[in-house]
Structures are given as C-alpha cells and as structure tokens.
Amino acid sequence: MGAEDDRYGPAWDDPVLMLLAAQLRTAHQRISPLPRESRQRLHRQLLAITDLAKRDHELAARRLSAFIDTFIEADDADVDAGPTRS
C-alpha cells in the first residue's frame, strides 16, 4: 500500500466525502415527505448530483449546496405565505 493505492480514488474515510455523503442523505430525507410530483423531480436532481460525485466531488458539493439553498428558500417561501384560504 502506498502511492499505488492513490490511483483507485480517495480513501473511504475521507472527511470531505463523508460530509458530502451525509448531506446527500439529509437532502434525500428532506424530500421524502413531499408530494409525489415534486419528490420525483427533486429526487432526479439529487441522483444527478450523486452520480457527479463519483467523478468530481468538489463540483457535486457545490451543486448540492445550491440545491439545498434553493430547496430551503422555496420551503421558507411556503411557510411565509401561510395557509391559503379558499
């Protein structure tokens, strides 16, 4: 084990990758209770980010951060609007 192992990618205990994995799991958990149509669209976006993480974890982390920010902003907007009256 040594320099030869570097060609196989990052170590399993890489803190950056562990953080990215935890954030992806959290994002998946947050979209789970949403209505089916919304959930499917967001799930596809997360799958694309997950796939990207296999090749470029830094870009995947930036895209996940943007996804989470957008998701939180939309969630806050729904809360701020309050219940609608019919």
Protein backbone atom coordinates (compact mmCIF):
# COMPACT_ATOMS: atom_id res chain seq x y z
CA MET A 1 0.00 0.00 0.00
CA GLY A 2 1.27 3.43 -0.84
CA ALA A 3 1.37 5.61 -3.93
CA GLU A 4 -0.14 2.74 -5.89
CA ASP A 5 -3.37 2.99 -3.85
CA ASP A 6 -3.90 6.63 -4.89
CA ARG A 7 -4.88 5.56 -8.39
CA TYR A 8 -8.02 3.92 -7.01
CA GLY A 9 -9.51 7.17 -5.77
CA PRO A 10 -9.99 8.75 -2.37
CA ALA A 11 -9.88 6.86 0.88
CA TRP A 12 -13.17 5.64 2.36
CA ASP A 13 -12.62 7.74 5.46
CA ASP A 14 -12.07 11.00 3.56
CA PRO A 15 -13.85 13.63 5.71
CA VAL A 16 -14.85 15.71 2.67
CA LEU A 17 -16.54 12.73 1.03
CA MET A 18 -18.15 11.67 4.30
CA LEU A 19 -19.64 15.17 4.67
CA LEU A 20 -20.90 15.11 1.08
CA ALA A 21 -22.49 11.69 1.66
CA ALA A 22 -24.16 12.89 4.85
CA GLN A 23 -25.52 15.98 3.09
CA LEU A 24 -26.89 13.85 0.25
CA ARG A 25 -28.62 11.53 2.73
CA THR A 26 -30.11 14.53 4.55
CA ALA A 27 -31.35 16.04 1.28
CA HIS A 28 -33.00 12.75 0.31
CA GLN A 29 -34.67 12.56 3.72
CA ARG A 30 -35.98 16.12 3.43
CA ILE A 31 -37.66 15.50 0.08
CA SER A 32 -39.22 12.18 1.14
CA PRO A 33 -42.40 13.68 2.68
CA LEU A 34 -43.13 15.91 -0.34
CA PRO A 35 -45.93 15.24 -2.82
CA ARG A 36 -45.06 12.66 -5.45
CA GLU A 37 -44.59 15.04 -8.40
CA SER A 38 -42.26 17.36 -6.50
CA ARG A 39 -40.42 14.49 -4.89
CA GLN A 40 -39.73 12.76 -8.22
CA ARG A 41 -38.30 15.91 -9.81
CA LEU A 42 -36.09 16.67 -6.81
CA HIS A 43 -35.04 13.04 -6.50
CA ARG A 44 -33.81 13.06 -10.12
CA GLN A 45 -31.76 16.17 -9.38
CA LEU A 46 -30.21 14.51 -6.34
CA LEU A 47 -29.43 11.37 -8.34
CA ALA A 48 -27.63 13.51 -10.91
CA ILE A 49 -25.59 15.15 -8.13
CA THR A 50 -24.84 11.73 -6.63
CA ASP A 51 -23.65 10.46 -10.00
CA LEU A 52 -21.50 13.55 -10.47
CA ALA A 53 -19.91 12.95 -7.05
CA LYS A 54 -18.39 9.75 -8.41
CA ARG A 55 -16.33 11.77 -10.87
CA ASP A 56 -15.96 15.25 -9.37
CA HIS A 57 -16.84 15.51 -5.70
CA GLU A 58 -15.96 19.21 -5.47
CA LEU A 59 -18.40 20.17 -8.24
CA ALA A 60 -21.00 17.83 -6.75
CA ALA A 61 -20.62 19.55 -3.38
CA ARG A 62 -21.17 22.97 -4.99
CA ARG A 63 -24.25 21.76 -6.87
CA LEU A 64 -25.64 20.11 -3.74
CA SER A 65 -25.11 23.33 -1.81
CA ALA A 66 -27.01 25.28 -4.48
CA PHE A 67 -29.76 22.61 -4.49
CA ILE A 68 -30.13 22.81 -0.71
CA ASP A 69 -30.15 26.62 -0.74
CA THR A 70 -32.88 26.66 -3.40
CA PHE A 71 -34.87 23.98 -1.59
CA ILE A 72 -34.67 25.87 1.73
CA GLU A 73 -35.65 29.17 0.07
CA ALA A 74 -38.68 27.53 -1.55
CA ASP A 75 -39.60 25.87 1.75
CA ASP A 76 -39.29 29.20 3.60
CA ALA A 77 -41.44 30.92 0.96
CA ASP A 78 -44.18 28.32 1.51
CA VAL A 79 -44.02 28.86 5.27
CA ASP A 80 -44.03 32.67 4.92
CA ALA A 81 -47.07 32.55 2.64
CA GLY A 82 -49.01 30.72 5.32
CA PRO A 83 -52.14 28.72 4.70
CA THR A 84 -54.28 29.80 1.78
CA ARG A 85 -57.99 30.43 2.11
CA SER A 86 -60.49 29.15 -0.40
